[in-house]
Amino acid sequence: AKGVVIDAARNALAKGEPKLVRIS
């Protein structure tokens, strides 16, 4: 999950908005 989480977190930082992510 690490790679997905890092990419999603950096994207949230770039947009300045929170998000909910599902890995499944």
PDB file of all heavy atoms in Angstrom:
ATOM      1  N   ALA A   1       0.808  -1.217   0.000  1.00  0.00           N
ATOM      2  CA  ALA A   1       0.000   0.000   0.000  1.00  0.00           C
ATOM      3  C   ALA A   1       0.842   1.268   0.000  1.00  0.00           C
ATOM      4  O   ALA A   1       0.331   2.343  -0.323  1.00  0.00           O
ATOM      5  CB  ALA A   1      -0.925   0.011   1.217  1.00  0.00           C
ATOM      6  N   LYS A   2       2.111   1.146   0.339  1.00  0.00           N
ATOM      7  CA  LYS A   2       2.938   2.326   0.568  1.00  0.00           C
ATOM      8  C   LYS A   2       3.003   3.251  -0.643  1.00  0.00           C
ATOM      9  O   LYS A   2       2.822   4.468  -0.536  1.00  0.00           O
ATOM     10  CB  LYS A   2       4.349   1.891   0.974  1.00  0.00           C
ATOM     11  CG  LYS A   2       5.261   3.054   1.321  1.00  0.00           C
ATOM     12  CD  LYS A   2       6.614   2.557   1.802  1.00  0.00           C
ATOM     13  CE  LYS A   2       7.545   3.720   2.117  1.00  0.00           C
ATOM     14  NZ  LYS A   2       8.877   3.239   2.589  1.00  0.00           N
ATOM     15  N   GLY A   3       3.271   2.688  -1.814  1.00  0.00           N
ATOM     16  CA  GLY A   3       3.403   3.519  -3.009  1.00  0.00           C
ATOM     17  C   GLY A   3       2.132   4.271  -3.337  1.00  0.00           C
ATOM     18  O   GLY A   3       2.160   5.461  -3.677  1.00  0.00           O
ATOM     19  N   VAL A   4       0.999   3.575  -3.221  1.00  0.00           N
ATOM     20  CA  VAL A   4      -0.288   4.217  -3.497  1.00  0.00           C
ATOM     21  C   VAL A   4      -0.544   5.351  -2.515  1.00  0.00           C
ATOM     22  O   VAL A   4      -0.972   6.443  -2.885  1.00  0.00           O
ATOM     23  CB  VAL A   4      -1.433   3.183  -3.422  1.00  0.00           C
ATOM     24  CG1 VAL A   4      -2.796   3.872  -3.458  1.00  0.00           C
ATOM     25  CG2 VAL A   4      -1.317   2.202  -4.571  1.00  0.00           C
ATOM     26  N   VAL A   5      -0.274   5.092  -1.235  1.00  0.00           N
ATOM     27  CA  VAL A   5      -0.520   6.095  -0.193  1.00  0.00           C
ATOM     28  C   VAL A   5       0.342   7.327  -0.415  1.00  0.00           C
ATOM     29  O   VAL A   5      -0.123   8.470  -0.305  1.00  0.00           O
ATOM     30  CB  VAL A   5      -0.263   5.494   1.200  1.00  0.00           C
ATOM     31  CG1 VAL A   5      -0.285   6.582   2.272  1.00  0.00           C
ATOM     32  CG2 VAL A   5      -1.305   4.442   1.513  1.00  0.00           C
ATOM     33  N   ILE A   6       1.599   7.125  -0.743  1.00  0.00           N
ATOM     34  CA  ILE A   6       2.497   8.264  -0.958  1.00  0.00           C
ATOM     35  C   ILE A   6       2.018   9.103  -2.139  1.00  0.00           C
ATOM     36  O   ILE A   6       1.949  10.339  -2.053  1.00  0.00           O
ATOM     37  CB  ILE A   6       3.942   7.779  -1.177  1.00  0.00           C
ATOM     38  CG1 ILE A   6       4.510   7.230   0.134  1.00  0.00           C
ATOM     39  CG2 ILE A   6       4.820   8.911  -1.702  1.00  0.00           C
ATOM     40  CD1 ILE A   6       5.875   6.596  -0.003  1.00  0.00           C
ATOM     41  N   ASP A   7       1.668   8.455  -3.236  1.00  0.00           N
ATOM     42  CA  ASP A   7       1.193   9.199  -4.413  1.00  0.00           C
ATOM     43  C   ASP A   7      -0.099   9.962  -4.092  1.00  0.00           C
ATOM     44  O   ASP A   7      -0.253  11.130  -4.476  1.00  0.00           O
ATOM     45  CB  ASP A   7       0.952   8.246  -5.585  1.00  0.00           C
ATOM     46  CG  ASP A   7       2.245   7.711  -6.178  1.00  0.00           C
ATOM     47  OD1 ASP A   7       3.305   8.302  -5.903  1.00  0.00           O
ATOM     48  OD2 ASP A   7       2.191   6.717  -6.924  1.00  0.00           O
ATOM     49  N   ALA A   8      -1.018   9.307  -3.390  1.00  0.00           N
ATOM     50  CA  ALA A   8      -2.287   9.951  -3.056  1.00  0.00           C
ATOM     51  C   ALA A   8      -2.072  11.118  -2.094  1.00  0.00           C
ATOM     52  O   ALA A   8      -2.726  12.163  -2.202  1.00  0.00           O
ATOM     53  CB  ALA A   8      -3.246   8.935  -2.453  1.00  0.00           C
ATOM     54  N   ALA A   9      -1.157  10.955  -1.144  1.00  0.00           N
ATOM     55  CA  ALA A   9      -0.880  12.023  -0.185  1.00  0.00           C
ATOM     56  C   ALA A   9      -0.232  13.219  -0.866  1.00  0.00           C
ATOM     57  O   ALA A   9      -0.566  14.376  -0.577  1.00  0.00           O
ATOM     58  CB  ALA A   9       0.021  11.490   0.927  1.00  0.00           C
ATOM     59  N   ARG A  10       0.691  12.982  -1.782  1.00  0.00           N
ATOM     60  CA  ARG A  10       1.337  14.093  -2.494  1.00  0.00           C
ATOM     61  C   ARG A  10       0.329  14.823  -3.372  1.00  0.00           C
ATOM     62  O   ARG A  10       0.393  16.047  -3.528  1.00  0.00           O
ATOM     63  CB  ARG A  10       2.511  13.566  -3.322  1.00  0.00           C
ATOM     64  CG  ARG A  10       3.620  12.969  -2.473  1.00  0.00           C
ATOM     65  CD  ARG A  10       4.792  12.496  -3.311  1.00  0.00           C
ATOM     66  NE  ARG A  10       5.563  13.625  -3.827  1.00  0.00           N
ATOM     67  CZ  ARG A  10       6.633  13.496  -4.607  1.00  0.00           C
ATOM     68  NH1 ARG A  10       7.048  12.269  -4.948  1.00  0.00           N
ATOM     69  NH2 ARG A  10       7.278  14.542  -5.038  1.00  0.00           N
ATOM     70  N   ASN A  11      -0.599  14.073  -3.944  1.00  0.00           N
ATOM     71  CA  ASN A  11      -1.649  14.697  -4.736  1.00  0.00           C
ATOM     72  C   ASN A  11      -2.546  15.572  -3.855  1.00  0.00           C
ATOM     73  O   ASN A  11      -2.937  16.675  -4.246  1.00  0.00           O
ATOM     74  CB  ASN A  11      -2.467  13.624  -5.440  1.00  0.00           C
ATOM     75  CG  ASN A  11      -3.555  14.202  -6.310  1.00  0.00           C
ATOM     76  OD1 ASN A  11      -4.715  14.290  -5.902  1.00  0.00           O
ATOM     77  ND2 ASN A  11      -3.213  14.611  -7.524  1.00  0.00           N
ATOM     78  N   ALA A  12      -2.874  15.082  -2.659  1.00  0.00           N
ATOM     79  CA  ALA A  12      -3.683  15.873  -1.726  1.00  0.00           C
ATOM     80  C   ALA A  12      -2.951  17.137  -1.311  1.00  0.00           C
ATOM     81  O   ALA A  12      -3.556  18.210  -1.169  1.00  0.00           O
ATOM     82  CB  ALA A  12      -4.027  15.031  -0.499  1.00  0.00           C
ATOM     83  N   LEU A  13      -1.639  17.036  -1.126  1.00  0.00           N
ATOM     84  CA  LEU A  13      -0.849  18.212  -0.783  1.00  0.00           C
ATOM     85  C   LEU A  13      -0.851  19.228  -1.923  1.00  0.00           C
ATOM     86  O   LEU A  13      -0.957  20.428  -1.699  1.00  0.00           O
ATOM     87  CB  LEU A  13       0.593  17.802  -0.465  1.00  0.00           C
ATOM     88  CG  LEU A  13       0.848  17.269   0.939  1.00  0.00           C
ATOM     89  CD1 LEU A  13       2.243  16.664   1.025  1.00  0.00           C
ATOM     90  CD2 LEU A  13       0.691  18.374   1.961  1.00  0.00           C
ATOM     91  N   ALA A  14      -0.727  18.729  -3.144  1.00  0.00           N
ATOM     92  CA  ALA A  14      -0.696  19.630  -4.305  1.00  0.00           C
ATOM     93  C   ALA A  14      -2.002  20.397  -4.440  1.00  0.00           C
ATOM     94  O   ALA A  14      -2.015  21.583  -4.795  1.00  0.00           O
ATOM     95  CB  ALA A  14      -0.406  18.836  -5.574  1.00  0.00           C
ATOM     96  N   LYS A  15      -3.127  19.737  -4.148  1.00  0.00           N
ATOM     97  CA  LYS A  15      -4.429  20.380  -4.277  1.00  0.00           C
ATOM     98  C   LYS A  15      -4.866  21.089  -2.999  1.00  0.00           C
ATOM     99  O   LYS A  15      -5.787  21.904  -3.018  1.00  0.00           O
ATOM    100  CB  LYS A  15      -5.481  19.347  -4.670  1.00  0.00           C
ATOM    101  CG  LYS A  15      -5.287  18.770  -6.060  1.00  0.00           C
ATOM    102  CD  LYS A  15      -6.422  17.830  -6.431  1.00  0.00           C
ATOM    103  CE  LYS A  15      -6.272  17.332  -7.860  1.00  0.00           C
ATOM    104  NZ  LYS A  15      -7.371  16.423  -8.236  1.00  0.00           N
ATOM    105  N   GLY A  16      -4.227  20.737  -1.881  1.00  0.00           N
ATOM    106  CA  GLY A  16      -4.619  21.345  -0.619  1.00  0.00           C
ATOM    107  C   GLY A  16      -5.968  20.885  -0.116  1.00  0.00           C
ATOM    108  O   GLY A  16      -6.630  21.593   0.643  1.00  0.00           O
ATOM    109  N   GLU A  17      -6.395  19.680  -0.511  1.00  0.00           N
ATOM    110  CA  GLU A  17      -7.712  19.187  -0.134  1.00  0.00           C
ATOM    111  C   GLU A  17      -7.617  17.756   0.394  1.00  0.00           C
ATOM    112  O   GLU A  17      -6.855  16.941  -0.127  1.00  0.00           O
ATOM    113  CB  GLU A  17      -8.658  19.229  -1.335  1.00  0.00           C
ATOM    114  CG  GLU A  17      -8.904  20.640  -1.864  1.00  0.00           C
ATOM    115  CD  GLU A  17      -9.792  20.656  -3.094  1.00  0.00           C
ATOM    116  OE1 GLU A  17     -10.123  19.564  -3.599  1.00  0.00           O
ATOM    117  OE2 GLU A  17     -10.149  21.752  -3.549  1.00  0.00           O
ATOM    118  N   PRO A  18      -8.401  17.426   1.441  1.00  0.00           N
ATOM    119  CA  PRO A  18      -8.385  16.061   1.978  1.00  0.00           C
ATOM    120  C   PRO A  18      -9.036  15.077   1.026  1.00  0.00           C
ATOM    121  O   PRO A  18      -9.779  15.469   0.115  1.00  0.00           O
ATOM    122  CB  PRO A  18      -9.190  16.191   3.275  1.00  0.00           C
ATOM    123  CG  PRO A  18     -10.110  17.342   3.033  1.00  0.00           C
ATOM    124  CD  PRO A  18      -9.347  18.304   2.160  1.00  0.00           C
ATOM    125  N   LYS A  19      -8.784  13.795   1.249  1.00  0.00           N
ATOM    126  CA  LYS A  19      -9.402  12.783   0.397  1.00  0.00           C
ATOM    127  C   LYS A  19      -9.522  11.464   1.153  1.00  0.00           C
ATOM    128  O   LYS A  19      -8.811  11.211   2.129  1.00  0.00           O
ATOM    129  CB  LYS A  19      -8.603  12.583  -0.883  1.00  0.00           C
ATOM    130  CG  LYS A  19      -7.186  12.071  -0.670  1.00  0.00           C
ATOM    131  CD  LYS A  19      -6.525  11.696  -1.976  1.00  0.00           C
ATOM    132  CE  LYS A  19      -6.370  12.873  -2.914  1.00  0.00           C
ATOM    133  NZ  LYS A  19      -5.760  12.499  -4.204  1.00  0.00           N
ATOM    134  N   LEU A  20     -10.441  10.638   0.685  1.00  0.00           N
ATOM    135  CA  LEU A  20     -10.639   9.288   1.217  1.00  0.00           C
ATOM    136  C   LEU A  20     -10.205   8.311   0.142  1.00  0.00           C
ATOM    137  O   LEU A  20     -10.643   8.408  -1.017  1.00  0.00           O
ATOM    138  CB  LEU A  20     -12.102   9.066   1.594  1.00  0.00           C
ATOM    139  CG  LEU A  20     -12.455   7.746   2.293  1.00  0.00           C
ATOM    140  CD1 LEU A  20     -11.739   7.638   3.628  1.00  0.00           C
ATOM    141  CD2 LEU A  20     -13.964   7.653   2.496  1.00  0.00           C
ATOM    142  N   VAL A  21      -9.342   7.368   0.499  1.00  0.00           N
ATOM    143  CA  VAL A  21      -8.744   6.444  -0.457  1.00  0.00           C
ATOM    144  C   VAL A  21      -9.067   5.012  -0.039  1.00  0.00           C
ATOM    145  O   VAL A  21      -8.973   4.658   1.139  1.00  0.00           O
ATOM    146  CB  VAL A  21      -7.214   6.648  -0.520  1.00  0.00           C
ATOM    147  CG1 VAL A  21      -6.550   5.535  -1.294  1.00  0.00           C
ATOM    148  CG2 VAL A  21      -6.895   8.007  -1.139  1.00  0.00           C
ATOM    149  N   ARG A  22      -9.445   4.193  -1.006  1.00  0.00           N
ATOM    150  CA  ARG A  22      -9.665   2.760  -0.771  1.00  0.00           C
ATOM    151  C   ARG A  22      -8.688   1.965  -1.626  1.00  0.00           C
ATOM    152  O   ARG A  22      -8.576   2.192  -2.834  1.00  0.00           O
ATOM    153  CB  ARG A  22     -11.096   2.362  -1.112  1.00  0.00           C
ATOM    154  CG  ARG A  22     -11.359   0.852  -0.960  1.00  0.00           C
ATOM    155  CD  ARG A  22     -12.746   0.474  -1.442  1.00  0.00           C
ATOM    156  NE  ARG A  22     -13.777   1.068  -0.599  1.00  0.00           N
ATOM    157  CZ  ARG A  22     -14.828   1.742  -1.079  1.00  0.00           C
ATOM    158  NH1 ARG A  22     -14.981   1.904  -2.372  1.00  0.00           N
ATOM    159  NH2 ARG A  22     -15.721   2.242  -0.250  1.00  0.00           N
ATOM    160  N   ILE A  23      -7.991   1.021  -1.003  1.00  0.00           N
ATOM    161  CA  ILE A  23      -7.072   0.133  -1.711  1.00  0.00           C
ATOM    162  C   ILE A  23      -7.644  -1.272  -1.591  1.00  0.00           C
ATOM    163  O   ILE A  23      -7.644  -1.866  -0.503  1.00  0.00           O
ATOM    164  CB  ILE A  23      -5.654   0.197  -1.126  1.00  0.00           C
ATOM    165  CG1 ILE A  23      -5.156   1.644  -1.092  1.00  0.00           C
ATOM    166  CG2 ILE A  23      -4.702  -0.661  -1.938  1.00  0.00           C
ATOM    167  CD1 ILE A  23      -3.811   1.818  -0.417  1.00  0.00           C
ATOM    168  N   SER A  24      -8.152  -1.802  -2.691  1.00  0.00           N
ATOM    169  CA  SER A  24      -8.849  -3.089  -2.638  1.00  0.00           C
ATOM    170  C   SER A  24      -8.995  -3.659  -4.034  1.00  0.00           C
ATOM    171  O   SER A  24      -9.042  -2.925  -5.025  1.00  0.00           O
ATOM    172  CB  SER A  24     -10.236  -2.904  -2.004  1.00  0.00           C
ATOM    173  OG  SER A  24     -10.968  -4.117  -2.018  1.00  0.00           O
TER     174      SER A  24
END
